[in-house]
C-alpha atoms as a PDB file:
ATOM      1  CA  MET A   1       9.529 147.220  46.044  1.00  0.00           C
ATOM      2  CA  PHE A   2       8.379 150.675  46.885  1.00  0.00           C
ATOM      3  CA  LEU A   3      10.743 153.584  46.855  1.00  0.00           C
ATOM      4  CA  THR A   4       9.921 156.418  49.129  1.00  0.00           C
ATOM      5  CA  THR A   5      11.523 159.761  49.094  1.00  0.00           C
ATOM      6  CA  VAL A   6      12.811 161.326  52.226  1.00  0.00           C
ATOM      7  CA  GLU A   7      13.209 165.017  52.451  1.00  0.00           C
ATOM      8  CA  ILE A   8      16.334 166.256  54.170  1.00  0.00           C
ATOM      9  CA  PRO A   9      15.857 169.533  55.953  1.00  0.00           C
ATOM     10  CA  ASP A  10      18.167 172.368  55.038  1.00  0.00           C
ATOM     11  CA  ILE A  11      20.952 172.500  57.633  1.00  0.00           C
ATOM     12  CA  SER A  12      22.711 175.774  57.788  1.00  0.00           C
ATOM     13  CA  VAL A  13      26.065 176.043  59.489  1.00  0.00           C
ATOM     14  CA  ASP A  14      26.990 179.279  61.122  1.00  0.00           C
ATOM     15  CA  ILE A  15      30.756 179.489  60.651  1.00  0.00           C
ATOM     16  CA  LYS A  16      31.064 182.689  62.662  1.00  0.00           C
ATOM     17  CA  SER A  17      29.599 181.156  65.829  1.00  0.00           C
ATOM     18  CA  ILE A  18      31.852 178.076  65.537  1.00  0.00           C
ATOM     19  CA  LYS A  19      34.872 180.315  65.040  1.00  0.00           C
ATOM     20  CA  GLN A  20      33.959 182.352  68.117  1.00  0.00           C
ATOM     21  CA  MET A  21      33.654 179.132  70.188  1.00  0.00           C
ATOM     22  CA  LEU A  22      37.065 177.875  69.090  1.00  0.00           C
ATOM     23  CA  ASP A  23      38.738 181.274  69.240  1.00  0.00           C
ATOM     24  CA  GLY A  24      40.289 180.779  72.688  1.00  0.00           C
ATOM     25  CA  PHE A  25      40.858 177.036  72.307  1.00  0.00           C
ATOM     26  CA  ASP A  26      44.449 175.796  72.103  1.00  0.00           C
ATOM     27  CA  PRO A  27      44.724 172.123  70.976  1.00  0.00           C
ATOM     28  CA  VAL A  28      48.294 171.909  72.293  1.00  0.00           C
ATOM     29  CA  SER A  29      46.902 172.283  75.812  1.00  0.00           C
ATOM     30  CA  LEU A  30      45.414 168.777  75.483  1.00  0.00           C
ATOM     31  CA  LEU A  31      48.882 167.213  75.065  1.00  0.00           C
ATOM     32  CA  PRO A  32      51.006 166.401  78.112  1.00  0.00           C
ATOM     33  CA  SER A  33      54.139 168.439  78.681  1.00  0.00           C
ATOM     34  CA  ILE A  34      57.416 167.117  77.330  1.00  0.00           C
ATOM     35  CA  ASP A  35      58.811 166.809  80.864  1.00  0.00           C
ATOM     36  CA  THR A  36      56.006 164.411  81.755  1.00  0.00           C
ATOM     37  CA  LEU A  37      56.637 162.294  78.662  1.00  0.00           C
ATOM     38  CA  VAL A  38      60.399 162.134  79.219  1.00  0.00           C
ATOM     39  CA  GLY A  39      59.837 161.189  82.861  1.00  0.00           C
ATOM     40  CA  LYS A  40      57.536 158.339  81.849  1.00  0.00           C
ATOM     41  CA  VAL A  41      59.980 157.087  79.216  1.00  0.00           C
ATOM     42  CA  GLN A  42      62.754 157.167  81.804  1.00  0.00           C
ATOM     43  CA  LEU A  43      60.602 155.275  84.336  1.00  0.00           C
ATOM     44  CA  VAL A  44      59.703 152.575  81.805  1.00  0.00           C
ATOM     45  CA  CYS A  45      63.377 152.210  80.818  1.00  0.00           C
ATOM     46  CA  VAL A  46      64.510 151.902  84.451  1.00  0.00           C
ATOM     47  CA  ILE A  47      61.853 149.255  85.141  1.00  0.00           C
ATOM     48  CA  ALA A  48      62.889 147.380  81.989  1.00  0.00           C
ATOM     49  CA  LEU A  49      66.553 147.534  82.984  1.00  0.00           C
ATOM     50  CA  LEU A  50      66.073 146.302  86.548  1.00  0.00           C
ATOM     51  CA  ALA A  51      63.291 143.720  86.198  1.00  0.00           C
ATOM     52  CA  GLY A  52      65.404 140.945  84.692  1.00  0.00           C
ATOM     53  CA  PRO A  53      68.363 141.151  87.086  1.00  0.00           C
ATOM     54  CA  LEU A  54      66.100 141.334  90.135  1.00  0.00           C
ATOM     55  CA  ILE A  55      64.103 138.308  88.972  1.00  0.00           C
ATOM     56  CA  MET A  56      67.339 136.440  88.274  1.00  0.00           C
ATOM     57  CA  THR A  57      68.666 137.252  91.748  1.00  0.00           C
ATOM     58  CA  GLY A  58      65.398 136.079  93.296  1.00  0.00           C
ATOM     59  CA  MET A  59      65.491 132.840  91.312  1.00  0.00           C
ATOM     60  CA  GLY A  60      69.048 132.205  92.458  1.00  0.00           C
ATOM     61  CA  LEU A  61      68.133 132.750  96.092  1.00  0.00           C
ATOM     62  CA  VAL A  62      65.140 130.426  95.744  1.00  0.00           C
ATOM     63  CA  TYR A  63      67.354 127.711  94.234  1.00  0.00           C
ATOM     64  CA  LEU A  64      69.851 128.156  97.064  1.00  0.00           C
ATOM     65  CA  LEU A  65      67.456 128.385  99.993  1.00  0.00           C
ATOM     66  CA  PHE A  66      64.190 126.675  99.057  1.00  0.00           C
ATOM     67  CA  ALA A  67      65.059 123.935  96.565  1.00  0.00           C
ATOM     68  CA  PRO A  68      63.413 120.580  97.244  1.00  0.00           C
ATOM     69  CA  LYS A  69      65.653 117.894  98.694  1.00  0.00           C
ATOM     70  CA  GLU A  70      64.835 115.379  95.954  1.00  0.00           C
ATOM     71  CA  ALA A  71      64.363 115.690  92.213  1.00  0.00           C
ATOM     72  CA  ASN A  72      60.883 116.478  90.938  1.00  0.00           C
ATOM     73  CA  TYR A  73      59.276 117.740  87.763  1.00  0.00           C
ATOM     74  CA  TYR A  74      57.576 120.792  89.281  1.00  0.00           C
ATOM     75  CA  PHE A  75      60.055 122.945  91.141  1.00  0.00           C
ATOM     76  CA  GLY A  76      63.788 123.501  90.879  1.00  0.00           C
ATOM     77  CA  TYR A  77      66.397 123.745  88.143  1.00  0.00           C
ATOM     78  CA  ARG A  78      65.828 120.605  86.074  1.00  0.00           C
ATOM     79  CA  THR A  79      68.350 118.993  83.745  1.00  0.00           C
ATOM     80  CA  ALA A  80      68.436 115.412  82.557  1.00  0.00           C
ATOM     81  CA  PHE A  81      71.868 114.890  84.110  1.00  0.00           C
ATOM     82  CA  GLY A  82      70.929 116.600  87.360  1.00  0.00           C
ATOM     83  CA  MET A  83      67.804 114.551  88.027  1.00  0.00           C
ATOM     84  CA  GLY A  84      69.491 111.148  88.059  1.00  0.00           C
ATOM     85  CA  SER A  85      70.304 111.071  91.781  1.00  0.00           C
ATOM     86  CA  VAL A  86      69.839 113.078  94.946  1.00  0.00           C
ATOM     87  CA  SER A  87      73.466 114.219  95.007  1.00  0.00           C
ATOM     88  CA  ALA A  88      73.275 115.339  91.355  1.00  0.00           C
ATOM     89  CA  TRP A  89      70.024 117.193  92.080  1.00  0.00           C
ATOM     90  CA  ARG A  90      71.443 119.021  95.099  1.00  0.00           C
ATOM     91  CA  HIS A  91      74.644 119.889  93.243  1.00  0.00           C
ATOM     92  CA  THR A  92      72.639 121.275  90.315  1.00  0.00           C
ATOM     93  CA  GLN A  93      70.388 123.362  92.599  1.00  0.00           C
ATOM     94  CA  ARG A  94      73.359 124.781  94.484  1.00  0.00           C
ATOM     95  CA  LEU A  95      75.226 125.559  91.252  1.00  0.00           C
ATOM     96  CA  ALA A  96      72.170 127.159  89.619  1.00  0.00           C
ATOM     97  CA  GLY A  97      71.514 129.217  92.748  1.00  0.00           C
ATOM     98  CA  LEU A  98      75.068 130.503  92.932  1.00  0.00           C
ATOM     99  CA  VAL A  99      75.271 131.316  89.216  1.00  0.00           C
ATOM    100  CA  PHE A 100      71.877 133.016  88.985  1.00  0.00           C
ATOM    101  CA  ALA A 101      72.213 134.939  92.260  1.00  0.00           C
ATOM    102  CA  GLY A 102      75.735 136.087  91.399  1.00  0.00           C
ATOM    103  CA  LEU A 103      74.900 137.071  87.830  1.00  0.00           C
ATOM    104  CA  GLY A 104      71.671 138.745  88.933  1.00  0.00           C
ATOM    105  CA  LEU A 105      73.450 140.747  91.620  1.00  0.00           C
ATOM    106  CA  ALA A 106      76.213 141.833  89.228  1.00  0.00           C
ATOM    107  CA  LEU A 107      73.672 142.795  86.557  1.00  0.00           C
ATOM    108  CA  THR A 108      71.587 144.701  89.116  1.00  0.00           C
ATOM    109  CA  ILE A 109      74.594 146.826  90.079  1.00  0.00           C
ATOM    110  CA  VAL A 110      75.557 147.468  86.449  1.00  0.00           C
ATOM    111  CA  MET A 111      71.967 148.297  85.444  1.00  0.00           C
ATOM    112  CA  LEU A 112      71.602 150.683  88.398  1.00  0.00           C
ATOM    113  CA  LEU A 113      74.706 152.524  87.222  1.00  0.00           C
ATOM    114  CA  ILE A 114      73.326 152.686  83.686  1.00  0.00           C
ATOM    115  CA  ALA A 115      69.913 153.806  84.988  1.00  0.00           C
ATOM    116  CA  MET A 116      71.544 156.742  86.778  1.00  0.00           C
ATOM    117  CA  THR A 117      72.832 158.045  83.429  1.00  0.00           C
ATOM    118  CA  LEU A 118      69.407 157.969  81.731  1.00  0.00           C
ATOM    119  CA  SER A 119      68.313 161.430  82.860  1.00  0.00           C
ATOM    120  CA  SER A 120      70.978 163.085  80.724  1.00  0.00           C
ATOM    121  CA  ARG A 121      69.828 161.343  77.532  1.00  0.00           C
ATOM    122  CA  ALA A 122      67.143 162.022  74.957  1.00  0.00           C
ATOM    123  CA  PRO A 123      64.043 159.782  75.167  1.00  0.00           C
ATOM    124  CA  MET A 124      64.913 157.819  72.023  1.00  0.00           C
ATOM    125  CA  ASP A 125      68.462 157.267  73.266  1.00  0.00           C
ATOM    126  CA  MET A 126      67.031 155.993  76.563  1.00  0.00           C
ATOM    127  CA  ALA A 127      64.886 153.477  74.737  1.00  0.00           C
ATOM    128  CA  TRP A 128      67.735 152.235  72.533  1.00  0.00           C
ATOM    129  CA  LEU A 129      70.080 151.907  75.505  1.00  0.00           C
ATOM    130  CA  ALA A 130      67.434 149.940  77.399  1.00  0.00           C
ATOM    131  CA  ALA A 131      66.911 147.669  74.380  1.00  0.00           C
ATOM    132  CA  LYS A 132      70.656 147.016  74.089  1.00  0.00           C
ATOM    133  CA  CYS A 133      70.903 146.258  77.814  1.00  0.00           C
ATOM    134  CA  LEU A 134      67.955 143.858  77.615  1.00  0.00           C
ATOM    135  CA  LEU A 135      69.637 142.058  74.733  1.00  0.00           C
ATOM    136  CA  TRP A 136      72.854 141.690  76.754  1.00  0.00           C
ATOM    137  CA  GLN A 137      70.902 140.471  79.776  1.00  0.00           C
ATOM    138  CA  GLY A 138      69.281 137.786  77.643  1.00  0.00           C
ATOM    139  CA  ILE A 139      72.605 136.690  76.169  1.00  0.00           C
ATOM    140  CA  LEU A 140      74.211 136.478  79.618  1.00  0.00           C
ATOM    141  CA  ALA A 141      71.255 134.502  80.976  1.00  0.00           C
ATOM    142  CA  LEU A 142      71.542 132.011  78.097  1.00  0.00           C
ATOM    143  CA  LEU A 143      75.279 131.678  78.723  1.00  0.00           C
ATOM    144  CA  ALA A 144      74.603 131.060  82.430  1.00  0.00           C
ATOM    145  CA  ILE A 145      72.088 128.336  81.572  1.00  0.00           C
ATOM    146  CA  ALA A 146      74.556 126.739  79.156  1.00  0.00           C
ATOM    147  CA  ALA A 147      77.302 126.861  81.798  1.00  0.00           C
ATOM    148  CA  ILE A 148      75.115 125.241  84.463  1.00  0.00           C
ATOM    149  CA  ASN A 149      74.028 122.494  82.080  1.00  0.00           C
ATOM    150  CA  GLY A 150      77.590 121.967  80.847  1.00  0.00           C
ATOM    151  CA  VAL A 151      79.062 121.673  84.330  1.00  0.00           C
ATOM    152  CA  THR A 152      76.288 119.283  85.344  1.00  0.00           C
ATOM    153  CA  MET A 153      76.879 117.117  82.256  1.00  0.00           C
ATOM    154  CA  TYR A 154      80.621 117.147  82.887  1.00  0.00           C
ATOM    155  CA  THR A 155      80.240 116.221  86.563  1.00  0.00           C
ATOM    156  CA  TYR A 156      77.431 113.621  86.374  1.00  0.00           C
ATOM    157  CA  ASP A 157      76.362 111.029  83.835  1.00  0.00           C
ATOM    158  CA  TYR A 158      72.764 110.498  82.741  1.00  0.00           C
ATOM    159  CA  ASN A 159      72.051 108.129  85.652  1.00  0.00           C
ATOM    160  CA  GLY A 160      73.250 110.679  88.198  1.00  0.00           C
ATOM    161  CA  THR A 161      76.491 108.976  89.170  1.00  0.00           C
ATOM    162  CA  ARG A 162      79.537 111.154  89.546  1.00  0.00           C
ATOM    163  CA  ARG A 163      82.009 110.811  86.724  1.00  0.00           C
ATOM    164  CA  ARG A 164      85.479 109.666  87.729  1.00  0.00           C
ATOM    165  CA  LYS A 165      88.444 111.751  86.740  1.00  0.00           C
ATOM    166  CA  LYS A 166      90.917 109.863  84.634  1.00  0.00           C
ATOM    167  CA  ARG A 167      94.292 109.677  86.291  1.00  0.00           C
ATOM    168  CA  ARG A 168      97.422 110.042  84.304  1.00  0.00           C
ATOM    169  CA  PRO A 169      99.900 107.247  84.638  1.00  0.00           C
ATOM    170  CA  THR A 170     102.998 108.321  86.509  1.00  0.00           C
END
């Protein structure tokens, strides 16, 4: 192994010339204005607030208007109790469409009202309010799914035949 020496040339730094170059430079000018940042935070929060309810409304309308006539494993609101017969399938699609479209429409109106109040809030408050609203949207969607499945299980048995109501003896 041969070691060779490398000579490093003497590099002199002229501090005065660098200082003169940076004399008129303001690093704050590279940052966007606070109005731009707050506007972008508000836009992201409004999109986050309205995306879920609009998708839910669209899903409900699709279940109401474009659901297949017979049960399948590809398209439609599928539950084990709702896929047993054609009447159970149609009942489940109609119920899911009504619940999702109604809940989506109600949430859209509420979220629009909340979105109109965002401009008077600080950016961090906007983000926390949007996070809380998203959490409530998720909880309400899960409750809607549980309600649809519960009503379907109550109305139909696993084979898709309608359950008979027990009559009280008179």
